[in-house]
Amino acid sequence: MHINDLLKMAVDRKASDLHLKVGAFPVLGVDGVLKPLSEMRRLLQEDTVAMAFSIMSARQKEKFKTDFEIDTSYQVPNLGRFRCSIFQQRGTVGLVLRVIPSRILTIRELLLRYARGVDTRDLALVRSCFVPDAAYHGALATGTIGDALDALPAANNCGNWSI
């Protein structure tokens, strides 16, 4: 199993993260929910070490051997870029890779993605946060997060919300 194959699965399934831990199935973070890839085999220490070392330079490998952690980036041609956190914990190597989208999502897309993955009680907390007047900072829009969330029911076809 190669890291690029798992990253392709992550991109194809619109995942934001890929979590790799010894003894567990690879896990994708999709819309705020962790989904194990149970159709694959559980990862062995050799798997995670090979995947980690395949994306590190020689200098990074030396740093990892002394610090037991490293943050880096990784690019797969024709697939995308990824932020990587590689660490050793309880004697095993683990990785978490974040997909860096090639296209920046709009505020609406971000809110819709967020709203699908959380409980409405969490949205109440978000709604209570005030976004300062954006015009003061030279932006072209003003409003609150509550204003943006009010637009979600119509945009998401999910009926009435009580926030």
Protein backbone atom coordinates (compact mmCIF):
# COMPACT_ATOMS: atom_id res chain seq x y z
CA MET A 1 0.00 0.00 0.00
CA HIS A 2 1.53 3.31 -1.10
CA ILE A 3 0.81 6.72 0.41
CA ASN A 4 -0.10 8.15 -3.02
CA ASP A 5 -2.88 5.54 -3.43
CA LEU A 6 -4.39 6.52 -0.09
CA LEU A 7 -4.12 10.22 -0.93
CA LYS A 8 -5.89 9.62 -4.24
CA MET A 9 -8.71 7.92 -2.33
CA ALA A 10 -8.86 10.93 0.01
CA VAL A 11 -9.11 13.40 -2.86
CA ASP A 12 -11.65 11.26 -4.78
CA ARG A 13 -13.87 11.02 -1.69
CA LYS A 14 -13.56 14.74 -0.92
CA ALA A 15 -11.84 14.11 2.40
CA SER A 16 -10.11 16.89 4.28
CA ASP A 17 -7.73 14.58 6.16
CA LEU A 18 -6.08 11.17 6.06
CA HIS A 19 -5.13 9.58 9.41
CA LEU A 20 -2.66 6.68 9.50
CA LYS A 21 -2.06 4.81 12.76
CA VAL A 22 -0.49 1.42 13.46
CA GLY A 23 -3.10 -1.25 14.18
CA ALA A 24 -5.96 0.71 12.64
CA PHE A 25 -7.53 1.04 9.21
CA PRO A 26 -6.60 4.19 7.29
CA VAL A 27 -9.18 6.84 8.23
CA LEU A 28 -10.58 9.67 6.11
CA GLY A 29 -12.04 12.84 7.58
CA VAL A 30 -15.07 13.71 5.42
CA ASP A 31 -17.36 16.62 6.36
CA GLY A 32 -16.20 16.48 9.96
CA VAL A 33 -16.76 12.72 10.34
CA LEU A 34 -13.90 10.20 10.61
CA LYS A 35 -14.57 7.26 8.28
CA PRO A 36 -12.34 4.16 8.51
CA LEU A 37 -11.42 2.52 5.22
CA SER A 38 -12.44 -0.90 6.50
CA GLU A 39 -12.14 -2.42 3.02
CA MET A 40 -8.36 -2.07 3.43
CA ARG A 41 -6.15 -3.98 5.84
CA ARG A 42 -5.04 -2.59 9.18
CA LEU A 43 -1.73 -0.76 9.10
CA LEU A 44 1.48 -2.31 10.41
CA GLN A 45 4.45 -0.40 11.83
CA GLU A 46 6.35 -1.19 8.62
CA ASP A 47 3.54 0.42 6.57
CA THR A 48 3.50 3.71 8.47
CA VAL A 49 7.30 3.96 8.62
CA ALA A 50 7.60 3.30 4.87
CA MET A 51 4.89 5.86 4.08
CA ALA A 52 6.41 8.47 6.39
CA PHE A 53 9.93 8.01 5.05
CA SER A 54 8.71 8.05 1.44
CA ILE A 55 7.63 11.68 1.80
CA MET A 56 10.60 12.96 3.84
CA SER A 57 13.92 14.25 2.58
CA ALA A 58 17.16 12.87 4.06
CA ARG A 59 17.47 15.95 6.30
CA GLN A 60 13.88 15.55 7.49
CA LYS A 61 14.47 11.87 8.28
CA GLU A 62 17.44 12.79 10.49
CA LYS A 63 15.39 15.46 12.25
CA PHE A 64 12.56 12.97 12.77
CA LYS A 65 14.95 10.43 14.29
CA THR A 66 16.03 12.96 16.93
CA ASP A 67 12.78 14.92 17.54
CA PHE A 68 10.25 12.09 16.93
CA GLU A 69 7.99 14.51 15.02
CA ILE A 70 8.04 16.68 11.94
CA ASP A 71 5.64 18.85 10.00
CA THR A 72 6.17 19.05 6.27
CA SER A 73 4.37 19.28 2.96
CA TYR A 74 4.02 16.78 0.15
CA GLN A 75 2.95 17.12 -3.46
CA VAL A 76 1.66 14.42 -5.79
CA PRO A 77 1.74 15.45 -9.47
CA ASN A 78 -1.75 15.67 -11.03
CA LEU A 79 -3.36 15.07 -7.63
CA GLY A 80 -2.59 17.87 -5.20
CA ARG A 81 -0.67 19.18 -2.23
CA PHE A 82 -0.86 17.99 1.38
CA ARG A 83 0.25 19.22 4.79
CA CYS A 84 1.76 16.37 6.78
CA SER A 85 2.27 15.84 10.48
CA ILE A 86 4.43 12.79 11.16
CA PHE A 87 5.01 11.69 14.74
CA GLN A 88 6.13 8.84 16.94
CA GLN A 89 3.77 8.02 19.76
CA ARG A 90 3.97 5.05 22.14
CA GLY A 91 6.73 3.57 20.02
CA THR A 92 4.83 3.64 16.71
CA VAL A 93 4.85 6.07 13.79
CA GLY A 94 1.67 7.86 12.81
CA LEU A 95 0.76 10.37 10.12
CA VAL A 96 -1.99 12.90 9.59
CA LEU A 97 -2.19 14.48 6.16
CA ARG A 98 -4.43 17.45 5.34
CA VAL A 99 -5.60 17.95 1.76
CA ILE A 100 -4.82 21.45 0.50
CA PRO A 101 -7.57 22.19 -2.01
CA SER A 102 -6.45 23.36 -5.43
CA ARG A 103 -9.46 25.71 -5.46
CA ILE A 104 -10.29 27.90 -2.49
CA LEU A 105 -13.83 27.24 -1.27
CA THR A 106 -16.32 30.10 -0.99
CA ILE A 107 -17.72 31.09 2.40
CA ARG A 108 -21.01 29.47 1.39
CA GLU A 109 -19.30 26.17 0.50
CA LEU A 110 -17.37 26.20 3.78
CA LEU A 111 -20.51 26.87 5.83
CA LEU A 112 -22.47 24.14 4.02
CA ARG A 113 -19.66 21.63 4.52
CA TYR A 114 -19.37 22.60 8.18
CA ALA A 115 -23.14 22.47 8.77
CA ARG A 116 -23.41 18.91 7.45
CA GLY A 117 -20.81 17.61 9.89
CA VAL A 118 -21.88 19.15 13.18
CA ASP A 119 -24.71 19.17 15.67
CA THR A 120 -27.04 22.20 15.58
CA ARG A 121 -25.97 23.03 19.16
CA ASP A 122 -22.49 23.72 17.76
CA LEU A 123 -24.01 26.05 15.19
CA ALA A 124 -25.67 28.02 18.00
CA LEU A 125 -22.22 28.69 19.39
CA VAL A 126 -20.92 29.76 15.99
CA ARG A 127 -23.95 31.98 15.47
CA SER A 128 -23.31 33.76 18.76
CA CYS A 129 -19.89 34.85 17.50
CA PHE A 130 -19.92 38.31 15.95
CA VAL A 131 -17.89 39.08 12.85
CA PRO A 132 -16.61 42.66 13.18
CA ASP A 133 -17.60 45.12 10.51
CA ALA A 134 -15.56 43.97 7.50
CA ALA A 135 -15.76 47.42 5.91
CA TYR A 136 -13.53 48.72 8.69
CA HIS A 137 -10.82 46.37 7.41
CA GLY A 138 -11.28 47.39 3.77
CA ALA A 139 -13.43 44.41 2.73
CA LEU A 140 -16.55 44.74 0.59
CA ALA A 141 -18.98 42.90 2.86
CA THR A 142 -20.37 43.27 6.35
CA GLY A 143 -22.53 41.12 8.58
CA THR A 144 -22.48 38.40 11.15
CA ILE A 145 -22.00 34.67 11.05
CA GLY A 146 -25.69 34.51 12.02
CA ASP A 147 -26.57 36.24 8.74
CA ALA A 148 -24.62 33.62 6.83
CA LEU A 149 -26.20 30.76 8.78
CA ASP A 150 -29.69 32.17 8.11
CA ALA A 151 -29.05 31.49 4.42
CA LEU A 152 -28.19 27.81 5.01
CA PRO A 153 -31.70 26.24 5.18
CA ALA A 154 -32.65 27.47 1.71
CA ALA A 155 -29.26 26.67 0.25
CA ASN A 156 -29.08 23.21 1.79
CA ASN A 157 -32.75 22.16 1.28
CA CYS A 158 -32.86 20.84 4.81
CA GLY A 159 -36.15 22.30 6.05
CA ASN A 160 -36.49 24.34 9.21
CA TRP A 161 -33.58 24.80 11.55
CA SER A 162 -33.78 25.95 15.12
CA ILE A 163 -30.56 27.65 16.01
